[in-house]
C-alpha cells in the first residue's frame, strides 16, 4: 500500500489524531461533571464514579483484542465500526436518565473507544515512511498527553455554560465527520479481512478475561461501601475473579493461539516494565480523577477553572512528546526517561499533598508542569522498553499486553482512590470531632452572631450554627482525605522506582527500531 501524500496525508493525520484525542478526552471530560451528574441522577459521588470505571473496564478488555479483531474484520472496517459504535453510544449516554443506563452505555462507548485509540495509531503510522515514524509516534504521543488533560477543561466549560449531557453529545458531530473522512481517505490494506478462515477465535479466553476484570473492578469499587467480605456480592465476585484469573492463565498458557499471549510475561524485562506501566496508569488516571473533585468540592473552583488549572501546564508535556518520539526512533535508551518521569511524578504528588485549603489556581501551575513532564517521560519510553529483549515478531503482542496493563492500572487506581478517600474521610472526621475544644461554646457564639445579623430565633440560629460547623468539619475531612490519596499515589511511585535496576536495554538496530515503532502502531 502506497504512503499517502499531500492533502490525503494531512486529512489522515488530522482524522486519526482527532479521533484518538476524542477517545482520550472521554476518559476525563466527565470528571468535572461528577458532582452535577450525581445530583441529577440521584446517586452519591462514589456510585457515579462507575461512569468512569465502566469506560475504563471496556478499554482494558478490548485493547489486547484489537489486533485480532482488526485482522478478522479488516482494519478499515473495524475502525469505521468502532467510530460508529462510539458515536451512537455517546448519544445514548447523553440521553440516559438513570445510573444503570449510563453505566451500560459508557461501557459500550469504551468498547468502541478502546478500539478507536488502537487502530488510529496503526493507520497514522502507515501514513509515514519508515524513517519518519518517530515523528508519527511523537504526534500520537501529543494526543496521549493532551486528551486526558483537555477533557476537564472542555468539560468545565460545558458545565459552566450548559449541562452534563452535552459532554457526550459533543462527540456526535466529530464522530460523524471523522467517519466520513475515514471512509473516503483511508485505504484498505492488501487482503484486508479476507483470511477469516485462518484466524482462530479464543472465545473462552476473551470470556474469562472479561469476567476477571469486571468482577475485580466491582470488588475494588464496592468493597468499602459493602463492608468487604461481610457482603455476599463481594464474596461471590471475589470468587469469580479468582477462579476466572486462574483458569484464564492456565488456558492462555495451554492453547496455541491465545487471546492474550501471557507467555511473554516470562521475559523479565516485559514483566518489570509492566509493573512500571501499571503504576504509571494509576498516576495518570487517578490524578485526573481526584484533583477535579478536590478542586470543586473543597477549593471552591468552578468546573471551568479546574480544567484550566490542568490545561496550561500540560503544554509542557505536549511539547516534550515529539522530542521523546524522535529520541526513541534514534535508539536512545528509555530507562533514564522512565526514571526521571517517575521522580517528577513523585514530586508532583507530594507537592500537591502539601497544599492548603485557601490555595489559589495559579499556585498549582508548577506542580502540574512536573506532572505533565513526568507523564511525557513515561508514555513512549515505557512502550519502547516493553519490547526490549523480545523477538521482533512478538513486539505487537508485548506492547498490547503493556497497554492493557496501563488501562487496568488506571481503572484499579480510580477504584482504590474511591475506597481510600471514603476510609480516610471517616477517620479524619472522627479525629476532628474528637479534638474539637469548646464545641458548644463555638456553636453558641456563631448562633449569637446569626441572631444579630438575621434576627432568627435562638433555636433556628443554633441549628444553622451546628450546620455550619458540620459543613466545615466535612470540608476539612474531605480535604485531608484527598491529600492522603495524592500522597498514596506518590508512595506507589517511590516503591516502584528501585525496580528500574531490573530493566535492561540493548542497542537496537535500525530494523529493530522500525519494527518496534510499527508494533506500537498496531498494538496501541
Protein backbone atom coordinates (compact mmCIF):
# COMPACT_ATOMS: atom_id res chain seq x y z
CA UNK A 1 0.00 0.00 0.00
CA UNK A 2 1.50 3.34 -1.09
CA UNK A 3 2.16 6.01 1.53
CA UNK A 4 -0.39 8.85 1.13
CA UNK A 5 0.90 12.25 0.09
CA UNK A 6 -0.14 15.89 0.36
CA UNK A 7 -3.78 16.63 1.17
CA UNK A 8 -4.71 12.96 1.72
CA UNK A 9 -1.89 12.53 4.23
CA UNK A 10 -2.88 15.72 6.08
CA UNK A 11 -6.50 14.54 6.32
CA UNK A 12 -5.40 11.13 7.67
CA UNK A 13 -3.17 12.78 10.29
CA UNK A 14 -5.92 15.17 11.41
CA UNK A 15 -8.60 12.46 11.42
CA UNK A 16 -6.65 9.79 13.30
CA UNK A 17 -5.15 12.13 15.89
CA UNK A 18 -8.52 13.86 16.41
CA UNK A 19 -10.29 10.50 16.82
CA UNK A 20 -7.69 9.36 19.37
CA UNK A 21 -7.86 12.67 21.26
CA UNK A 22 -11.68 12.46 21.28
CA UNK A 23 -11.50 8.98 22.82
CA UNK A 24 -8.94 10.10 25.40
CA UNK A 25 -10.91 13.24 26.23
CA UNK A 26 -13.82 10.99 27.18
CA UNK A 27 -11.67 9.30 29.82
CA UNK A 28 -11.55 12.55 31.80
CA UNK A 29 -14.10 15.06 30.44
CA UNK A 30 -16.68 13.62 32.78
CA UNK A 31 -14.55 14.09 35.91
CA UNK A 32 -15.55 17.73 36.42
CA UNK A 33 -19.24 16.85 35.96
CA UNK A 34 -19.45 14.10 38.59
CA UNK A 35 -20.99 16.35 41.25
CA UNK A 36 -23.73 17.60 38.91
CA UNK A 37 -24.37 14.15 37.49
CA UNK A 38 -24.70 12.57 40.95
CA UNK A 39 -27.32 15.17 41.85
CA UNK A 40 -29.16 14.83 38.55
CA UNK A 41 -29.29 11.03 38.68
CA UNK A 42 -29.94 10.87 42.44
CA UNK A 43 -26.82 8.91 43.47
CA UNK A 44 -23.76 9.67 45.59
CA UNK A 45 -20.30 10.61 44.30
CA UNK A 46 -18.92 7.11 44.95
CA UNK A 47 -21.65 5.47 42.83
CA UNK A 48 -21.33 7.94 39.97
CA UNK A 49 -17.64 7.02 39.63
CA UNK A 50 -18.89 3.84 37.89
CA UNK A 51 -19.46 6.08 34.86
CA UNK A 52 -15.67 6.46 34.69
CA UNK A 53 -14.77 2.91 35.67
CA UNK A 54 -17.12 1.14 33.23
CA UNK A 55 -15.45 3.03 30.38
CA UNK A 56 -12.00 2.04 31.68
CA UNK A 57 -13.02 -1.63 32.10
CA UNK A 58 -14.20 -1.78 28.48
CA UNK A 59 -10.88 -0.27 27.38
CA UNK A 60 -8.94 -2.87 29.38
CA UNK A 61 -10.88 -5.74 27.79
CA UNK A 62 -10.82 -4.50 24.20
CA UNK A 63 -7.26 -3.15 23.86
CA UNK A 64 -5.45 -6.53 23.83
CA UNK A 65 -8.02 -7.85 21.35
CA UNK A 66 -7.85 -5.05 18.78
CA UNK A 67 -5.06 -6.64 16.73
CA UNK A 68 -7.06 -9.84 16.33
CA UNK A 69 -10.34 -8.02 15.61
CA UNK A 70 -8.70 -5.74 13.03
CA UNK A 71 -7.21 -8.78 11.30
CA UNK A 72 -10.54 -10.66 11.38
CA UNK A 73 -12.85 -7.89 10.14
CA UNK A 74 -10.31 -5.81 8.24
CA UNK A 75 -8.63 -2.78 9.75
CA UNK A 76 -10.65 -0.14 7.89
CA UNK A 77 -13.99 -1.88 8.53
CA UNK A 78 -13.14 -2.34 12.21
CA UNK A 79 -12.06 1.31 12.52
CA UNK A 80 -15.27 2.59 10.94
CA UNK A 81 -17.42 0.26 13.04
CA UNK A 82 -15.64 1.36 16.23
CA UNK A 83 -16.19 5.01 15.39
CA UNK A 84 -19.88 4.43 14.72
CA UNK A 85 -20.28 2.46 17.99
CA UNK A 86 -18.51 5.23 19.91
CA UNK A 87 -20.68 7.95 18.36
CA UNK A 88 -24.01 6.16 18.90
CA UNK A 89 -23.07 5.23 22.48
CA UNK A 90 -22.16 8.88 23.13
CA UNK A 91 -25.67 9.92 22.09
CA UNK A 92 -27.26 7.27 24.32
CA UNK A 93 -25.08 8.32 27.28
CA UNK A 94 -26.38 11.88 26.89
CA UNK A 95 -29.96 10.58 26.83
CA UNK A 96 -29.58 8.40 29.94
CA UNK A 97 -31.83 9.06 32.92
CA UNK A 98 -30.51 6.51 35.45
CA UNK A 99 -27.15 5.35 36.77
CA UNK A 100 -27.53 1.82 35.38
CA UNK A 101 -28.43 3.13 31.94
CA UNK A 102 -25.47 5.48 31.64
CA UNK A 103 -23.03 2.90 33.04
CA UNK A 104 -24.12 0.39 30.36
CA UNK A 105 -23.76 2.89 27.53
CA UNK A 106 -20.42 4.13 28.87
CA UNK A 107 -19.20 0.53 28.71
CA UNK A 108 -20.34 0.28 25.07
CA UNK A 109 -18.68 3.63 24.39
CA UNK A 110 -15.47 2.26 25.91
CA UNK A 111 -15.61 -0.80 23.63
CA UNK A 112 -15.72 1.48 20.58
CA UNK A 113 -13.24 3.93 22.07
CA UNK A 114 -10.60 1.39 23.04
CA UNK A 115 -10.51 0.04 19.51
CA UNK A 116 -10.59 3.56 18.10
CA UNK A 117 -7.47 4.53 20.02
CA UNK A 118 -5.55 1.43 18.99
CA UNK A 119 -6.39 1.46 15.31
CA UNK A 120 -5.88 5.22 14.91
CA UNK A 121 -2.21 4.85 15.74
CA UNK A 122 -1.76 1.97 13.29
CA UNK A 123 -3.32 3.98 10.46
CA UNK A 124 -1.29 7.08 11.38
CA UNK A 125 1.99 5.13 11.29
CA UNK A 126 1.19 3.77 7.84
CA UNK A 127 0.83 7.36 6.58
CA UNK A 128 4.57 7.92 7.21
CA UNK A 129 7.68 6.47 5.61
CA UNK A 130 9.63 4.13 7.92
CA UNK A 131 12.34 6.73 8.55
CA UNK A 132 9.72 9.28 9.70
CA UNK A 133 7.73 7.08 12.06
CA UNK A 134 9.42 8.62 15.10
CA UNK A 135 7.58 11.81 14.13
CA UNK A 136 4.33 9.84 13.95
CA UNK A 137 5.00 8.46 17.45
CA UNK A 138 5.55 12.00 18.68
CA UNK A 139 2.34 13.28 17.08
CA UNK A 140 0.33 10.48 18.60
CA UNK A 141 2.09 10.94 21.93
CA UNK A 142 0.93 14.56 21.97
CA UNK A 143 -2.62 13.24 21.81
CA UNK A 144 -1.92 10.80 24.66
CA UNK A 145 -0.92 13.72 26.88
CA UNK A 146 -3.37 16.34 25.63
CA UNK A 147 -6.53 14.22 25.52
CA UNK A 148 -6.94 13.25 29.20
CA UNK A 149 -5.99 16.76 30.36
CA UNK A 150 -8.04 18.68 27.78
CA UNK A 151 -11.08 16.73 29.00
CA UNK A 152 -11.56 18.57 32.32
CA UNK A 153 -11.13 21.97 30.61
CA UNK A 154 -13.69 21.24 27.90
CA UNK A 155 -15.97 19.56 30.44
CA UNK A 156 -15.63 22.54 32.77
CA UNK A 157 -16.60 24.99 30.02
CA UNK A 158 -19.63 22.88 29.13
CA UNK A 159 -20.69 22.60 32.79
CA UNK A 160 -20.34 26.34 33.29
CA UNK A 161 -22.48 27.27 30.29
CA UNK A 162 -24.65 24.21 29.60
CA UNK A 163 -25.42 20.86 31.29
CA UNK A 164 -23.72 17.46 31.54
CA UNK A 165 -25.48 15.66 28.61
CA UNK A 166 -23.63 17.96 26.19
CA UNK A 167 -20.38 16.34 27.38
CA UNK A 168 -21.46 13.28 25.41
CA UNK A 169 -23.41 14.98 22.62
CA UNK A 170 -20.34 16.97 21.54
CA UNK A 171 -18.85 13.70 20.24
CA UNK A 172 -21.62 13.24 17.66
CA UNK A 173 -20.60 15.82 15.00
CA UNK A 174 -16.90 14.96 15.47
CA UNK A 175 -17.67 11.26 15.15
CA UNK A 176 -19.75 11.73 12.00
CA UNK A 177 -17.11 13.90 10.29
CA UNK A 178 -14.30 11.52 11.27
CA UNK A 179 -16.29 8.53 9.98
CA UNK A 180 -16.94 10.17 6.61
CA UNK A 181 -13.32 11.31 6.19
CA UNK A 182 -12.02 7.86 7.19
CA UNK A 183 -14.32 6.15 4.68
CA UNK A 184 -13.11 8.43 1.87
CA UNK A 185 -9.39 8.82 2.57
CA UNK A 186 -8.24 5.70 4.45
CA UNK A 187 -7.36 2.86 2.11
CA UNK A 188 -7.77 -0.81 2.86
CA UNK A 189 -4.69 -2.94 3.37
CA UNK A 190 -3.89 -5.71 0.93
CA UNK A 191 -6.11 -8.78 1.54
CA UNK A 192 -7.74 -6.94 4.42
CA UNK A 193 -10.32 -9.09 6.20
CA UNK A 194 -10.05 -11.93 3.65
CA UNK A 195 -8.31 -14.52 5.82
CA UNK A 196 -11.02 -15.16 8.41
CA UNK A 197 -10.81 -18.93 8.00
CA UNK A 198 -7.19 -18.95 9.18
CA UNK A 199 -7.85 -16.85 12.31
CA UNK A 200 -8.66 -18.74 15.50
CA UNK A 201 -11.04 -17.02 17.95
CA UNK A 202 -10.25 -17.71 21.59
CA UNK A 203 -13.81 -17.26 22.89
CA UNK A 204 -13.05 -18.82 26.27
CA UNK A 205 -10.01 -16.61 26.81
CA UNK A 206 -12.00 -13.48 25.94
CA UNK A 207 -14.84 -14.50 28.27
CA UNK A 208 -12.50 -15.32 31.16
CA UNK A 209 -10.65 -12.01 30.75
CA UNK A 210 -13.94 -10.07 30.78
CA UNK A 211 -15.20 -11.96 33.85
CA UNK A 212 -11.96 -11.44 35.75
CA UNK A 213 -11.65 -7.71 35.06
CA UNK A 214 -15.35 -6.93 35.62
CA UNK A 215 -15.60 -8.80 38.93
CA UNK A 216 -12.26 -7.50 40.17
CA UNK A 217 -13.37 -3.96 39.42
CA UNK A 218 -16.68 -4.48 41.25
CA UNK A 219 -14.81 -5.72 44.33
CA UNK A 220 -12.42 -2.77 44.25
CA UNK A 221 -15.20 -0.24 43.65
CA UNK A 222 -17.79 -1.52 46.11
CA UNK A 223 -15.65 -3.20 48.75
CA UNK A 224 -15.56 -0.26 51.14
CA UNK A 225 -19.26 0.60 50.93
CA UNK A 226 -20.32 -3.08 51.07
CA UNK A 227 -18.09 -3.78 54.12
CA UNK A 228 -15.87 -6.07 52.08
CA UNK A 229 -16.27 -9.81 52.74
CA UNK A 230 -19.26 -9.32 55.02
CA UNK A 231 -21.16 -8.74 51.78
CA UNK A 232 -22.36 -11.76 49.81
CA UNK A 233 -21.98 -9.95 46.48
CA UNK A 234 -18.35 -9.10 47.28
CA UNK A 235 -17.63 -12.71 48.23
CA UNK A 236 -19.23 -14.04 45.03
CA UNK A 237 -17.42 -11.55 42.79
CA UNK A 238 -14.12 -12.22 44.56
CA UNK A 239 -14.57 -15.94 43.94
CA UNK A 240 -15.45 -15.40 40.26
CA UNK A 241 -12.49 -13.05 39.79
CA UNK A 242 -10.06 -15.50 41.41
CA UNK A 243 -11.31 -18.55 39.52
CA UNK A 244 -11.51 -16.64 36.22
CA UNK A 245 -7.95 -15.39 36.62
CA UNK A 246 -6.53 -18.83 37.43
CA UNK A 247 -8.40 -20.55 34.58
CA UNK A 248 -7.51 -17.67 32.20
CA UNK A 249 -3.78 -18.05 32.93
CA UNK A 250 -3.97 -21.85 32.60
CA UNK A 251 -5.98 -21.66 29.38
CA UNK A 252 -3.82 -18.98 27.71
CA UNK A 253 -0.64 -20.92 28.51
CA UNK A 254 -2.14 -24.13 27.17
CA UNK A 255 -3.53 -23.21 23.74
CA UNK A 256 -1.62 -22.39 20.57
CA UNK A 257 -3.41 -19.14 19.63
CA UNK A 258 -4.40 -17.37 22.88
CA UNK A 259 -6.38 -14.13 23.01
CA UNK A 260 -3.55 -12.67 25.12
CA UNK A 261 -0.15 -14.32 24.85
CA UNK A 262 0.82 -14.05 28.52
CA UNK A 263 3.78 -16.36 27.92
CA UNK A 264 5.69 -13.19 27.04
CA UNK A 265 5.48 -12.07 30.67
CA UNK A 266 8.12 -14.74 31.28
CA UNK A 267 10.51 -12.21 29.79
CA UNK A 268 11.92 -10.37 32.82
CA UNK A 269 12.15 -7.05 31.06
CA UNK A 270 8.49 -7.06 29.94
CA UNK A 271 7.39 -8.25 33.39
CA UNK A 272 9.13 -5.39 35.21
CA UNK A 273 8.13 -2.86 32.55
CA UNK A 274 4.51 -3.93 33.10
CA UNK A 275 4.85 -3.04 36.79
CA UNK A 276 6.01 0.46 35.85
CA UNK A 277 3.20 0.74 33.30
CA UNK A 278 0.61 -0.30 35.90
CA UNK A 279 1.87 2.35 38.34
CA UNK A 280 2.01 4.97 35.56
CA UNK A 281 -1.63 4.12 34.73
CA UNK A 282 -2.59 4.64 38.36
CA UNK A 283 -0.86 8.02 38.37
CA UNK A 284 -2.23 9.26 35.05
CA UNK A 285 -5.89 8.36 35.59
CA UNK A 286 -6.17 8.75 39.37
CA UNK A 287 -4.62 12.22 39.44
CA UNK A 288 -7.08 13.42 36.81
CA UNK A 289 -9.92 11.82 38.80
CA UNK A 290 -9.01 13.06 42.31
CA UNK A 291 -7.97 16.62 41.53
CA UNK A 292 -11.22 17.87 39.89
CA UNK A 293 -13.27 16.62 42.86
CA UNK A 294 -10.83 18.21 45.31
CA UNK A 295 -10.82 21.48 43.40
CA UNK A 296 -14.61 21.79 43.21
CA UNK A 297 -15.71 20.18 46.48
CA UNK A 298 -13.07 21.79 48.73
CA UNK A 299 -11.10 24.54 46.99
CA UNK A 300 -14.20 26.19 45.56
CA UNK A 301 -13.05 26.25 41.92
CA UNK A 302 -15.63 26.20 39.17
CA UNK A 303 -15.55 23.28 36.74
CA UNK A 304 -14.03 25.53 34.09
CA UNK A 305 -11.35 26.90 36.45
CA UNK A 306 -10.49 23.32 37.38
CA UNK A 307 -9.94 22.40 33.75
CA UNK A 308 -7.83 25.50 33.05
CA UNK A 309 -5.60 24.65 36.01
CA UNK A 310 -4.77 21.33 34.36
CA UNK A 311 -4.60 22.56 30.77
CA UNK A 312 -1.91 25.25 30.79
CA UNK A 313 0.90 23.16 32.36
CA UNK A 314 0.07 20.26 30.03
CA UNK A 315 1.50 22.22 27.10
CA UNK A 316 4.94 21.37 28.51
CA UNK A 317 4.13 17.67 28.17
CA UNK A 318 2.69 18.16 24.68
CA UNK A 319 5.92 19.86 23.57
CA UNK A 320 8.02 17.08 25.15
CA UNK A 321 6.24 14.19 23.40
CA UNK A 322 7.57 14.76 19.83
CA UNK A 323 11.05 15.05 21.33
CA UNK A 324 10.52 11.69 23.05
CA UNK A 325 9.36 10.16 19.76
CA UNK A 326 12.42 11.39 17.83
CA UNK A 327 14.82 10.20 20.55
CA UNK A 328 13.15 6.78 20.73
CA UNK A 329 13.36 6.45 16.92
CA UNK A 330 17.12 7.06 17.18
CA UNK A 331 17.54 4.22 19.65
CA UNK A 332 18.13 6.25 22.83
CA UNK A 333 17.67 4.09 25.95
CA UNK A 334 14.25 4.65 27.55
CA UNK A 335 15.37 3.71 31.09
CA UNK A 336 16.72 7.18 32.09
CA UNK A 337 13.49 8.81 30.85
CA UNK A 338 11.34 6.37 32.83
CA UNK A 339 13.44 7.03 35.95
CA UNK A 340 13.20 10.82 35.62
CA UNK A 341 9.49 10.59 34.79
CA UNK A 342 8.76 8.61 37.97
CA UNK A 343 10.80 11.05 40.08
CA UNK A 344 8.96 14.05 38.60
CA UNK A 345 5.55 12.47 39.19
CA UNK A 346 6.50 11.63 42.78
CA UNK A 347 7.49 15.27 43.34
CA UNK A 348 4.16 16.39 41.88
CA UNK A 349 2.18 14.04 44.15
CA UNK A 350 3.88 15.15 47.35
CA UNK A 351 3.84 18.86 46.42
CA UNK A 352 0.09 18.69 45.80
CA UNK A 353 -0.36 16.68 49.00
CA UNK A 354 1.02 19.66 50.93
CA UNK A 355 -1.33 22.39 49.70
CA UNK A 356 -3.64 24.42 51.95
CA UNK A 357 -7.42 24.87 51.51
CA UNK A 358 -7.01 28.55 50.58
CA UNK A 359 -4.56 27.92 47.74
CA UNK A 360 -5.07 29.84 44.50
CA UNK A 361 -5.39 28.45 41.00
CA UNK A 362 -2.02 29.83 39.86
CA UNK A 363 -0.22 28.25 42.82
CA UNK A 364 -0.73 24.81 41.26
CA UNK A 365 0.99 25.67 37.97
CA UNK A 366 4.47 24.35 38.82
CA UNK A 367 3.32 21.01 40.35
CA UNK A 368 1.20 20.32 37.27
CA UNK A 369 4.17 21.04 34.99
CA UNK A 370 6.04 18.32 36.88
CA UNK A 371 3.06 16.02 36.33
CA UNK A 372 2.92 16.74 32.58
CA UNK A 373 6.65 16.20 32.10
CA UNK A 374 6.58 13.07 34.25
CA UNK A 375 3.82 11.55 32.12
CA UNK A 376 5.58 12.56 28.88
CA UNK A 377 8.75 10.80 30.03
CA UNK A 378 6.84 7.62 30.87
CA UNK A 379 4.48 7.08 27.94
CA UNK A 380 6.56 6.37 24.83
CA UNK A 381 9.69 5.21 26.75
CA UNK A 382 7.62 2.53 28.52
CA UNK A 383 6.17 1.35 25.20
CA UNK A 384 9.72 1.18 23.84
CA UNK A 385 11.06 -0.55 26.93
CA UNK A 386 8.28 -3.15 26.83
CA UNK A 387 9.77 -4.74 23.71
CA UNK A 388 13.43 -4.58 24.74
CA UNK A 389 14.59 -8.18 24.78
CA UNK A 390 11.63 -9.55 22.77
CA UNK A 391 11.87 -11.05 19.32
CA UNK A 392 10.53 -8.59 16.69
CA UNK A 393 7.66 -10.96 15.86
CA UNK A 394 6.44 -10.58 19.48
CA UNK A 395 6.63 -6.77 19.59
CA UNK A 396 2.95 -6.15 18.82
CA UNK A 397 1.77 -8.67 21.43
CA UNK A 398 4.17 -7.32 24.07
CA UNK A 399 3.02 -3.75 23.52
CA UNK A 400 -0.63 -4.86 23.55
CA UNK A 401 -0.13 -6.52 26.96
CA UNK A 402 1.68 -3.43 28.20
CA UNK A 403 -1.13 -1.11 27.09
CA UNK A 404 -3.77 -3.36 28.62
CA UNK A 405 -1.92 -3.22 31.93
CA UNK A 406 -1.77 0.60 31.78
CA UNK A 407 -5.54 0.80 31.38
CA UNK A 408 -6.02 -1.77 34.14
CA UNK A 409 -3.80 0.36 36.37
CA UNK A 410 -5.98 3.39 35.66
CA UNK A 411 -9.23 1.55 36.37
CA UNK A 412 -7.81 -0.01 39.54
CA UNK A 413 -6.35 3.31 40.66
CA UNK A 414 -9.69 5.09 40.48
CA UNK A 415 -11.34 2.29 42.46
CA UNK A 416 -8.58 2.30 45.07
CA UNK A 417 -8.80 6.10 45.34
CA UNK A 418 -12.57 5.94 45.91
CA UNK A 419 -12.17 3.43 48.72
CA UNK A 420 -9.22 5.21 50.27
CA UNK A 421 -10.97 8.59 50.23
CA UNK A 422 -14.04 7.10 51.96
CA UNK A 423 -11.88 5.39 54.58
CA UNK A 424 -9.68 8.41 55.29
CA UNK A 425 -12.68 10.78 55.32
CA UNK A 426 -14.32 8.74 58.08
CA UNK A 427 -11.09 8.66 60.11
CA UNK A 428 -10.37 12.38 59.69
CA UNK A 429 -13.93 13.29 60.67
CA UNK A 430 -13.64 11.22 63.87
CA UNK A 431 -10.28 12.84 64.66
CA UNK A 432 -11.53 16.38 64.03
CA UNK A 433 -14.70 15.96 66.06
CA UNK A 434 -12.90 14.29 68.97
CA UNK A 435 -10.33 17.07 69.08
CA UNK A 436 -12.77 19.95 68.96
CA UNK A 437 -12.49 22.02 72.13
CA UNK A 438 -15.41 24.01 73.47
CA UNK A 439 -17.53 22.98 70.51
CA UNK A 440 -20.76 24.04 72.17
CA UNK A 441 -19.29 27.42 73.10
CA UNK A 442 -18.25 27.95 69.48
CA UNK A 443 -21.73 26.96 68.31
CA UNK A 444 -23.30 29.40 70.77
CA UNK A 445 -21.01 32.19 69.59
CA UNK A 446 -21.88 31.54 65.94
CA UNK A 447 -25.58 31.36 66.84
CA UNK A 448 -25.41 34.75 68.59
CA UNK A 449 -23.75 36.22 65.53
CA UNK A 450 -26.50 34.79 63.31
CA UNK A 451 -29.19 36.23 65.60
CA UNK A 452 -27.50 39.64 65.45
CA UNK A 453 -27.35 39.61 61.66
CA UNK A 454 -30.64 37.93 60.72
CA UNK A 455 -32.88 38.24 63.76
CA UNK A 456 -33.55 34.49 63.79
CA UNK A 457 -34.95 32.92 66.94
CA UNK A 458 -32.44 31.04 69.11
CA UNK A 459 -33.50 27.53 68.03
CA UNK A 460 -33.14 28.35 64.31
CA UNK A 461 -29.83 30.13 64.88
CA UNK A 462 -28.49 27.16 66.85
CA UNK A 463 -29.45 24.77 64.02
CA UNK A 464 -27.71 26.98 61.47
CA UNK A 465 -24.62 27.23 63.67
CA UNK A 466 -24.37 23.45 64.07
CA UNK A 467 -24.91 23.00 60.32
CA UNK A 468 -22.11 25.47 59.60
CA UNK A 469 -19.71 23.69 61.97
CA UNK A 470 -20.65 20.32 60.48
CA UNK A 471 -20.04 21.53 56.91
CA UNK A 472 -16.67 22.95 57.96
CA UNK A 473 -15.65 19.64 59.54
CA UNK A 474 -16.90 17.76 56.47
CA UNK A 475 -14.98 20.03 54.10
CA UNK A 476 -11.76 19.69 56.08
CA UNK A 477 -12.19 15.90 56.35
CA UNK A 478 -12.60 15.57 52.59
CA UNK A 479 -9.67 17.91 52.00
CA UNK A 480 -7.35 15.81 54.18
CA UNK A 481 -8.57 12.57 52.61
CA UNK A 482 -7.83 13.85 49.09
CA UNK A 483 -4.34 14.91 50.16
CA UNK A 484 -3.82 11.45 51.67
CA UNK A 485 -4.81 9.92 48.33
CA UNK A 486 -2.33 12.06 46.39
CA UNK A 487 0.33 11.05 48.91
CA UNK A 488 -0.60 7.39 48.39
CA UNK A 489 -0.06 7.77 44.63
CA UNK A 490 3.39 9.21 45.33
CA UNK A 491 4.20 6.23 47.58
CA UNK A 492 3.29 3.82 44.76
CA UNK A 493 5.82 5.58 42.53
CA UNK A 494 8.52 5.55 45.22
CA UNK A 495 8.06 1.81 45.85
CA UNK A 496 8.30 1.03 42.13
CA UNK A 497 11.33 3.23 41.42
CA UNK A 498 14.07 0.84 42.71
CA UNK A 499 12.80 -1.79 40.26
CA UNK A 500 14.37 0.28 37.48
CA UNK A 501 17.57 -1.62 38.31
CA UNK A 502 15.96 -4.73 36.80
CA UNK A 503 15.24 -3.05 33.45
CA UNK A 504 17.64 -3.95 30.67
CA UNK A 505 18.12 -2.41 27.27
CA UNK A 506 20.25 -3.28 24.30
CA UNK A 507 21.31 -1.14 21.41
CA UNK A 508 18.74 -1.76 18.69
CA UNK A 509 19.45 -1.97 15.00
CA UNK A 510 17.59 0.34 12.62
CA UNK A 511 15.41 -2.62 11.60
CA UNK A 512 14.50 -3.39 15.23
CA UNK A 513 13.65 0.25 15.91
CA UNK A 514 11.40 0.29 12.85
CA UNK A 515 9.78 -2.98 13.94
CA UNK A 516 9.10 -1.69 17.44
CA UNK A 517 7.55 1.55 16.14
CA UNK A 518 5.41 -0.43 13.72
CA UNK A 519 4.37 -2.78 16.51
CA UNK A 520 3.42 0.18 18.70
CA UNK A 521 1.16 1.41 15.92
CA UNK A 522 -0.57 -1.93 15.60
CA UNK A 523 -0.93 -2.77 19.27
CA UNK A 524 -1.62 0.52 20.99
